[in-house]
């Protein structure tokens, strides 16, 4: 089945669909770093299928550069990534580029989720106008234009829970009405990634739609899997401290366990992006105290409960849970794009390492496989990971729709 991925980000949704055997015709994304991540992933799949995976490994080990990597891949593979913002001025040219890519193929699926800052609790709280005038409130209308243009059998639309209540429900009612006019039925549920085997509690609205000429109903997703704990997920990763990097030079310290069956292939032996951001002494002292308090009392320390000499922010009345441990014996709380700005909300549970999560650890929590390489920096990688749909969750959604269809 052929798929177009809109607002693709790093490609979490398309990675899951691809793992389930779907054919990705095109990714549309505006962020340059995310587009390079998508191109590099396309290169990975092409080289793997053509028994040239060693070249990909040389690239992530910095033995060849990106230009050399991309030159080894046919242009029609890399051109699947359309680097463009979707707006009134660009949409026709994006249609033209997609038309060239698909030729006489039919589009069976459109997947994607417009940027969700306009619907997120955090985004609204930071904006003085509470996102009321933010144009991102209406990006879903462009998504519908793609449905009208390509008339796929199905679509999958992912977003934060706030889309249901944004502007007192006006946005969601508008979405439903416009989908109906475009010829689609839809249903939605709030799904949690940990029910799909992902080591993270992450609730998102998943809308599934189908053309009115198709008999279909929303699949039943049963909680059939036990998600790994953070301890199980990180067991084979070497210990590092704040500011240390094992990007392509470190070695795994254990063979992959059952908990890593979707993360680390037995044949994959290169550890990338096990990189921890540096921290100042004050933050490291706070991290240690937060982990100690959790270990001794099972309590998450609030900012206003810190010793006075560690409190440096003027605001000690709101955002009191700004320092938070990722629990070792359970699944992580939701990884969001703010992890690219600081790691205070994602403190590693091992007090000896005394740091926030590495990029590879955050990627594993989101269920990205270890052979997935993020362009082009630590900060960009964190942002892409936080914005993504967990690939394992996407794969199970793809599988269930395929079975039902």
Protein backbone atom coordinates (compact mmCIF):
# COMPACT_ATOMS: atom_id res chain seq x y z
CA UNK A 1 0.00 0.00 0.00
CA UNK A 2 1.28 3.46 -0.95
CA UNK A 3 1.61 6.22 1.63
CA UNK A 4 2.15 10.00 1.69
CA UNK A 5 3.51 11.35 4.98
CA UNK A 6 2.56 14.98 5.76
CA UNK A 7 4.16 17.19 8.44
CA UNK A 8 6.55 14.26 8.59
CA UNK A 9 9.11 15.43 11.17
CA UNK A 10 11.80 12.78 11.61
CA UNK A 11 9.41 10.15 10.23
CA UNK A 12 8.17 8.27 13.30
CA UNK A 13 4.82 7.49 11.66
CA UNK A 14 6.31 6.52 8.30
CA UNK A 15 8.99 4.40 10.00
CA UNK A 16 6.27 2.32 11.68
CA UNK A 17 4.27 1.98 8.46
CA UNK A 18 7.42 1.06 6.56
CA UNK A 19 8.36 -1.63 9.08
CA UNK A 20 4.92 -3.11 8.42
CA UNK A 21 5.60 -3.32 4.67
CA UNK A 22 3.97 -0.13 3.41
CA UNK A 23 5.57 1.84 0.56
CA UNK A 24 6.35 5.47 1.39
CA UNK A 25 5.84 7.57 -1.74
CA UNK A 26 6.67 10.98 -0.26
CA UNK A 27 7.43 12.84 2.96
CA UNK A 28 6.51 16.54 3.22
CA UNK A 29 8.34 18.49 5.95
CA UNK A 30 9.58 22.06 6.39
CA UNK A 31 12.40 21.62 8.94
CA UNK A 32 15.80 21.27 7.26
CA UNK A 33 17.32 18.98 9.92
CA UNK A 34 14.28 16.68 9.92
CA UNK A 35 14.41 16.54 6.09
CA UNK A 36 18.04 15.44 6.23
CA UNK A 37 17.07 12.80 8.79
CA UNK A 38 14.41 11.53 6.37
CA UNK A 39 16.87 11.49 3.47
CA UNK A 40 19.44 9.62 5.54
CA UNK A 41 16.78 7.08 6.53
CA UNK A 42 15.82 6.65 2.87
CA UNK A 43 19.52 6.07 2.13
CA UNK A 44 19.66 3.49 4.94
CA UNK A 45 16.77 1.46 3.49
CA UNK A 46 18.09 1.66 -0.07
CA UNK A 47 21.61 0.56 0.94
CA UNK A 48 20.28 -2.20 3.18
CA UNK A 49 18.09 -3.60 0.40
CA UNK A 50 21.06 -3.51 -2.00
CA UNK A 51 23.58 -5.13 0.40
CA UNK A 52 25.58 -1.91 0.76
CA UNK A 53 24.89 -1.22 4.44
CA UNK A 54 28.63 -0.83 5.09
CA UNK A 55 28.53 2.55 3.36
CA UNK A 56 25.80 3.71 5.76
CA UNK A 57 27.91 2.54 8.68
CA UNK A 58 30.91 4.46 7.32
CA UNK A 59 28.74 7.58 7.19
CA UNK A 60 27.61 7.43 10.81
CA UNK A 61 31.21 6.71 11.81
CA UNK A 62 32.28 9.92 9.98
CA UNK A 63 34.37 8.01 7.44
CA UNK A 64 32.38 9.46 4.54
CA UNK A 65 30.40 12.71 4.47
CA UNK A 66 26.72 13.24 3.79
CA UNK A 67 27.31 14.31 0.19
CA UNK A 68 29.16 11.05 -0.49
CA UNK A 69 26.37 9.06 1.18
CA UNK A 70 23.65 10.74 -0.86
CA UNK A 71 25.60 10.33 -4.11
CA UNK A 72 25.42 6.57 -3.61
CA UNK A 73 21.60 6.66 -3.64
CA UNK A 74 19.44 7.24 -6.76
CA UNK A 75 17.98 10.74 -6.97
CA UNK A 76 14.41 9.38 -7.12
CA UNK A 77 14.91 7.91 -3.62
CA UNK A 78 16.12 11.15 -2.04
CA UNK A 79 13.53 13.23 -3.92
CA UNK A 80 10.80 11.48 -1.90
CA UNK A 81 11.62 14.09 0.77
CA UNK A 82 9.91 17.37 -0.15
CA UNK A 83 11.40 20.14 1.97
CA UNK A 84 8.67 22.75 2.09
CA UNK A 85 6.25 24.48 4.39
CA UNK A 86 2.64 23.67 3.45
CA UNK A 87 0.75 26.92 2.82
CA UNK A 88 -1.39 28.66 0.18
CA UNK A 89 1.66 29.63 -1.88
CA UNK A 90 3.35 26.20 -1.89
CA UNK A 91 0.58 23.62 -1.95
CA UNK A 92 0.21 23.45 -5.76
CA UNK A 93 3.95 23.00 -6.28
CA UNK A 94 3.98 20.27 -3.59
CA UNK A 95 1.16 18.52 -5.47
CA UNK A 96 3.26 18.73 -8.66
CA UNK A 97 6.31 17.22 -6.96
CA UNK A 98 4.24 14.39 -5.50
CA UNK A 99 2.59 13.75 -8.90
CA UNK A 100 6.05 13.24 -10.44
CA UNK A 101 6.98 10.80 -7.67
CA UNK A 102 3.86 8.65 -7.79
CA UNK A 103 3.44 8.41 -11.57
CA UNK A 104 0.56 6.00 -12.24
CA UNK A 105 0.46 4.62 -8.66
CA UNK A 106 -2.56 5.13 -6.45
CA UNK A 107 -2.28 6.69 -3.00
CA UNK A 108 -3.79 4.32 -0.43
CA UNK A 109 -2.91 6.18 2.78
CA UNK A 110 -2.15 9.68 3.97
CA UNK A 111 -0.57 9.89 7.41
CA UNK A 112 0.69 12.74 9.57
CA UNK A 113 -0.17 15.23 12.26
CA UNK A 114 0.05 19.02 11.86
CA UNK A 115 2.28 20.76 14.46
CA UNK A 116 0.44 20.72 17.75
CA UNK A 117 1.77 23.73 19.69
CA UNK A 118 -1.49 25.60 19.11
CA UNK A 119 -3.40 22.82 20.88
CA UNK A 120 -0.90 21.82 23.58
CA UNK A 121 -1.34 22.85 27.21
CA UNK A 122 2.29 23.98 27.41
CA UNK A 123 2.06 26.00 24.18
CA UNK A 124 -1.14 27.76 25.26
CA UNK A 125 0.23 28.55 28.74
CA UNK A 126 3.35 30.20 27.26
CA UNK A 127 1.44 32.37 24.75
CA UNK A 128 -0.06 35.64 26.09
CA UNK A 129 -2.93 35.29 23.58
CA UNK A 130 -3.36 31.60 24.48
CA UNK A 131 -2.81 30.63 20.81
CA UNK A 132 -6.18 32.11 19.81
CA UNK A 133 -4.74 33.84 16.73
CA UNK A 134 -2.10 31.23 15.93
CA UNK A 135 -2.37 30.14 12.26
CA UNK A 136 -1.34 26.61 13.30
CA UNK A 137 -4.89 26.20 14.64
CA UNK A 138 -5.99 25.65 11.03
CA UNK A 139 -3.16 23.62 9.49
CA UNK A 140 -5.53 20.64 9.43
CA UNK A 141 -7.27 22.34 6.48
CA UNK A 142 -4.18 21.71 4.34
CA UNK A 143 -4.22 18.07 5.40
CA UNK A 144 -7.79 17.88 4.04
CA UNK A 145 -6.67 19.47 0.75
CA UNK A 146 -4.32 16.50 0.28
CA UNK A 147 -7.22 14.11 0.95
CA UNK A 148 -9.29 15.86 -1.70
CA UNK A 149 -6.40 15.84 -4.20
CA UNK A 150 -5.35 12.18 -3.82
CA UNK A 151 -8.50 10.51 -2.44
CA UNK A 152 -6.67 7.82 -0.42
CA UNK A 153 -8.61 4.90 1.01
CA UNK A 154 -7.52 5.76 4.56
CA UNK A 155 -5.80 8.41 6.61
CA UNK A 156 -4.20 8.48 10.06
CA UNK A 157 -4.07 11.85 11.82
CA UNK A 158 -2.16 12.20 15.10
CA UNK A 159 -2.31 15.10 17.56
CA UNK A 160 -2.32 16.11 21.21
CA UNK A 161 -5.46 15.79 23.32
CA UNK A 162 -5.90 19.55 23.26
CA UNK A 163 -7.19 19.41 19.68
CA UNK A 164 -10.48 18.07 21.08
CA UNK A 165 -11.10 21.17 23.21
CA UNK A 166 -9.19 23.94 21.35
CA UNK A 167 -11.29 27.10 20.96
CA UNK A 168 -14.07 25.44 23.00
CA UNK A 169 -14.29 22.51 20.59
CA UNK A 170 -14.63 24.70 17.49
CA UNK A 171 -11.45 23.32 15.88
CA UNK A 172 -12.44 19.68 16.24
CA UNK A 173 -15.99 20.28 15.02
CA UNK A 174 -14.54 22.11 12.01
CA UNK A 175 -12.21 19.19 11.33
CA UNK A 176 -15.08 16.68 11.41
CA UNK A 177 -17.29 18.83 9.18
CA UNK A 178 -14.58 19.37 6.59
CA UNK A 179 -13.69 15.68 6.52
CA UNK A 180 -17.33 14.83 5.88
CA UNK A 181 -17.47 17.31 2.97
CA UNK A 182 -14.27 15.80 1.58
CA UNK A 183 -15.93 12.36 1.46
CA UNK A 184 -14.53 10.71 4.58
CA UNK A 185 -15.89 9.04 7.68
CA UNK A 186 -13.73 9.17 10.81
CA UNK A 187 -13.45 7.96 14.35
CA UNK A 188 -10.91 8.75 17.04
CA UNK A 189 -9.59 7.53 20.35
CA UNK A 190 -7.09 8.77 22.91
CA UNK A 191 -4.40 6.09 22.81
CA UNK A 192 -1.42 5.62 25.12
CA UNK A 193 1.88 4.48 23.60
CA UNK A 194 2.68 2.24 26.59
CA UNK A 195 -0.29 0.05 25.57
CA UNK A 196 1.59 -0.58 22.30
CA UNK A 197 4.79 -1.83 23.95
CA UNK A 198 6.52 1.57 24.03
CA UNK A 199 8.49 2.39 27.20
CA UNK A 200 6.64 5.65 27.65
CA UNK A 201 3.28 6.92 28.84
CA UNK A 202 2.26 9.19 25.98
CA UNK A 203 -1.41 9.95 25.33
CA UNK A 204 -2.32 11.21 21.88
CA UNK A 205 -5.48 11.55 19.81
CA UNK A 206 -5.33 9.12 16.89
CA UNK A 207 -7.95 9.85 14.23
CA UNK A 208 -8.47 7.16 11.60
CA UNK A 209 -10.53 8.04 8.55
CA UNK A 210 -11.75 6.09 5.54
CA UNK A 211 -13.48 6.94 2.28
CA UNK A 212 -17.23 6.71 2.43
CA UNK A 213 -17.30 3.99 -0.22
CA UNK A 214 -15.31 1.65 2.10
CA UNK A 215 -16.81 -0.51 4.84
CA UNK A 216 -14.60 -0.05 7.87
CA UNK A 217 -14.67 0.68 11.60
CA UNK A 218 -12.03 1.86 14.06
CA UNK A 219 -9.82 -1.10 15.03
CA UNK A 220 -9.76 -2.46 18.57
CA UNK A 221 -6.29 -1.97 19.99
CA UNK A 222 -5.90 -4.33 22.91
CA UNK A 223 -3.17 -3.90 25.49
CA UNK A 224 -1.37 -7.09 24.50
CA UNK A 225 2.21 -6.15 25.30
CA UNK A 226 4.20 -5.47 28.44
CA UNK A 227 6.30 -2.39 27.73
CA UNK A 228 9.89 -2.61 28.97
CA UNK A 229 10.99 -0.69 32.03
CA UNK A 230 13.64 1.99 31.71
CA UNK A 231 16.15 -0.32 33.42
CA UNK A 232 15.48 -3.01 30.80
CA UNK A 233 15.63 -0.47 27.97
CA UNK A 234 19.02 0.97 29.03
CA UNK A 235 20.68 -2.24 30.26
CA UNK A 236 23.16 -2.61 27.38
CA UNK A 237 24.23 1.06 27.27
CA UNK A 238 27.58 2.06 28.81
CA UNK A 239 27.57 4.53 31.70
CA UNK A 240 28.45 8.12 30.86
CA UNK A 241 28.45 11.37 32.80
CA UNK A 242 27.09 14.82 31.94
CA UNK A 243 28.86 16.27 28.91
CA UNK A 244 30.27 12.93 27.73
CA UNK A 245 29.74 11.53 24.24
CA UNK A 246 29.93 8.04 22.79
CA UNK A 247 28.75 8.88 19.30
CA UNK A 248 30.00 6.05 17.10
CA UNK A 249 32.97 5.27 19.36
CA UNK A 250 31.26 3.46 22.23
CA UNK A 251 30.42 -0.22 22.49
CA UNK A 252 27.34 -1.93 23.86
CA UNK A 253 28.04 -3.63 27.19
CA UNK A 254 25.52 -6.44 26.77
CA UNK A 255 23.73 -8.46 24.10
CA UNK A 256 20.22 -7.26 23.22
CA UNK A 257 17.54 -8.63 25.53
CA UNK A 258 13.91 -9.46 24.67
CA UNK A 259 13.01 -5.95 25.83
CA UNK A 260 15.07 -4.57 22.92
CA UNK A 261 13.59 -6.75 20.16
CA UNK A 262 12.08 -3.72 18.41
CA UNK A 263 15.03 -1.43 19.15
CA UNK A 264 18.32 -3.19 18.51
CA UNK A 265 18.95 -5.72 15.79
CA UNK A 266 21.36 -8.56 16.69
CA UNK A 267 23.55 -7.56 13.75
CA UNK A 268 23.68 -3.86 14.66
CA UNK A 269 26.94 -3.10 16.49
CA UNK A 270 27.44 0.69 16.25
CA UNK A 271 26.31 2.79 19.19
CA UNK A 272 25.44 6.31 18.01
CA UNK A 273 24.18 9.41 19.76
CA UNK A 274 24.85 8.15 23.28
CA UNK A 275 25.54 11.80 24.00
CA UNK A 276 24.67 13.59 27.26
CA UNK A 277 24.43 17.37 27.42
CA UNK A 278 26.77 19.21 29.80
CA UNK A 279 25.35 20.78 32.97
CA UNK A 280 26.53 23.39 35.43
CA UNK A 281 27.36 22.44 39.02
CA UNK A 282 24.08 23.79 40.41
CA UNK A 283 21.96 21.65 38.09
CA UNK A 284 24.04 18.55 38.83
CA UNK A 285 23.55 19.11 42.56
CA UNK A 286 19.80 19.39 41.99
CA UNK A 287 19.78 16.22 39.84
CA UNK A 288 21.55 14.29 42.59
CA UNK A 289 19.14 15.54 45.25
CA UNK A 290 16.09 14.72 43.08
CA UNK A 291 17.31 11.13 42.53
CA UNK A 292 18.27 10.69 46.21
CA UNK A 293 14.83 11.90 47.34
CA UNK A 294 13.10 9.54 44.92
CA UNK A 295 15.24 6.57 45.97
CA UNK A 296 14.70 7.18 49.70
CA UNK A 297 11.14 8.51 49.84
CA UNK A 298 9.54 7.66 46.47
CA UNK A 299 8.75 11.35 46.11
CA UNK A 300 9.31 13.77 43.23
CA UNK A 301 10.96 16.88 44.66
CA UNK A 302 9.27 20.18 43.78
CA UNK A 303 11.32 23.25 42.90
CA UNK A 304 10.22 25.21 45.99
CA UNK A 305 11.30 22.28 48.17
CA UNK A 306 14.94 22.56 47.13
CA UNK A 307 17.51 24.01 49.57
CA UNK A 308 17.57 27.80 49.26
CA UNK A 309 21.11 27.94 47.85
CA UNK A 310 20.05 25.79 44.86
CA UNK A 311 17.02 27.95 43.89
CA UNK A 312 18.19 30.35 41.18
CA UNK A 313 14.92 31.07 39.32
CA UNK A 314 12.79 33.99 40.48
CA UNK A 315 9.63 31.98 39.78
CA UNK A 316 9.19 29.46 42.58
CA UNK A 317 5.37 29.44 42.50
CA UNK A 318 4.59 27.77 39.15
CA UNK A 319 6.16 24.98 37.06
CA UNK A 320 7.26 23.40 40.32
CA UNK A 321 7.88 19.98 38.75
CA UNK A 322 10.57 21.33 36.43
CA UNK A 323 13.08 18.73 37.68
CA UNK A 324 11.86 15.18 37.22
CA UNK A 325 13.43 11.73 37.33
CA UNK A 326 12.73 9.11 34.66
CA UNK A 327 11.71 6.15 36.81
CA UNK A 328 13.93 3.07 36.48
CA UNK A 329 11.30 0.47 37.40
CA UNK A 330 8.55 1.75 35.11
CA UNK A 331 8.02 3.54 31.80
CA UNK A 332 9.04 7.13 31.14
CA UNK A 333 6.67 10.06 31.28
CA UNK A 334 6.03 11.77 27.92
CA UNK A 335 9.10 12.88 25.99
CA UNK A 336 8.36 16.23 24.33
CA UNK A 337 10.36 18.63 22.15
CA UNK A 338 11.30 20.80 25.15
CA UNK A 339 13.97 18.18 25.87
CA UNK A 340 15.97 20.01 23.18
CA UNK A 341 16.20 23.09 25.44
CA UNK A 342 17.21 21.36 28.70
CA UNK A 343 17.07 17.92 30.28
CA UNK A 344 15.75 18.90 33.73
CA UNK A 345 12.49 17.02 33.17
CA UNK A 346 14.36 13.87 32.10
CA UNK A 347 16.92 13.06 34.81
CA UNK A 348 18.60 9.66 34.45
CA UNK A 349 17.65 7.33 37.33
CA UNK A 350 21.24 6.16 37.94
CA UNK A 351 22.65 8.53 40.57
CA UNK A 352 26.21 7.54 39.65
CA UNK A 353 25.78 8.93 36.13
CA UNK A 354 24.13 12.12 37.47
CA UNK A 355 22.88 13.59 34.19
CA UNK A 356 19.87 13.97 31.96
CA UNK A 357 19.03 11.47 29.22
CA UNK A 358 21.31 10.96 26.26
CA UNK A 359 19.92 11.32 22.73
CA UNK A 360 20.00 7.54 22.21
CA UNK A 361 18.11 6.93 25.47
CA UNK A 362 15.41 9.43 24.48
CA UNK A 363 15.18 7.78 21.04
CA UNK A 364 14.79 4.35 22.64
CA UNK A 365 12.03 5.65 24.92
CA UNK A 366 10.26 6.74 21.71
CA UNK A 367 10.94 3.24 20.23
CA UNK A 368 13.25 4.43 17.43
CA UNK A 369 15.63 1.62 16.42
CA UNK A 370 19.31 2.06 17.21
CA UNK A 371 20.18 2.12 13.49
CA UNK A 372 18.09 5.30 13.10
CA UNK A 373 20.36 8.34 12.70
CA UNK A 374 19.16 11.88 13.46
CA UNK A 375 20.55 14.90 11.63
CA UNK A 376 22.25 17.33 12.30
CA UNK A 377 23.12 18.07 15.96
CA UNK A 378 22.32 16.99 19.49
CA UNK A 379 19.75 19.77 19.90
CA UNK A 380 18.09 19.03 16.55
CA UNK A 381 17.99 15.32 17.35
CA UNK A 382 16.29 15.92 20.70
CA UNK A 383 13.70 18.16 19.04
CA UNK A 384 12.91 15.61 16.32
CA UNK A 385 12.61 12.80 18.88
CA UNK A 386 10.28 14.81 21.14
CA UNK A 387 7.98 15.72 18.24
CA UNK A 388 7.75 12.21 16.79
CA UNK A 389 5.08 9.52 16.89
CA UNK A 390 6.66 6.38 18.41
CA UNK A 391 7.42 4.08 15.44
CA UNK A 392 6.33 0.95 17.34
CA UNK A 393 2.92 2.48 18.03
CA UNK A 394 2.67 3.51 14.36
CA UNK A 395 3.59 0.01 13.24
CA UNK A 396 0.82 -1.63 15.29
CA UNK A 397 -1.73 0.92 14.04
CA UNK A 398 -0.64 0.15 10.44
CA UNK A 399 -0.83 -3.60 11.09
CA UNK A 400 -4.36 -3.43 12.56
CA UNK A 401 -5.72 -1.32 9.69
CA UNK A 402 -4.09 -3.64 7.16
CA UNK A 403 -5.61 -6.71 8.85
CA UNK A 404 -9.06 -5.12 8.99
CA UNK A 405 -8.92 -3.98 5.37
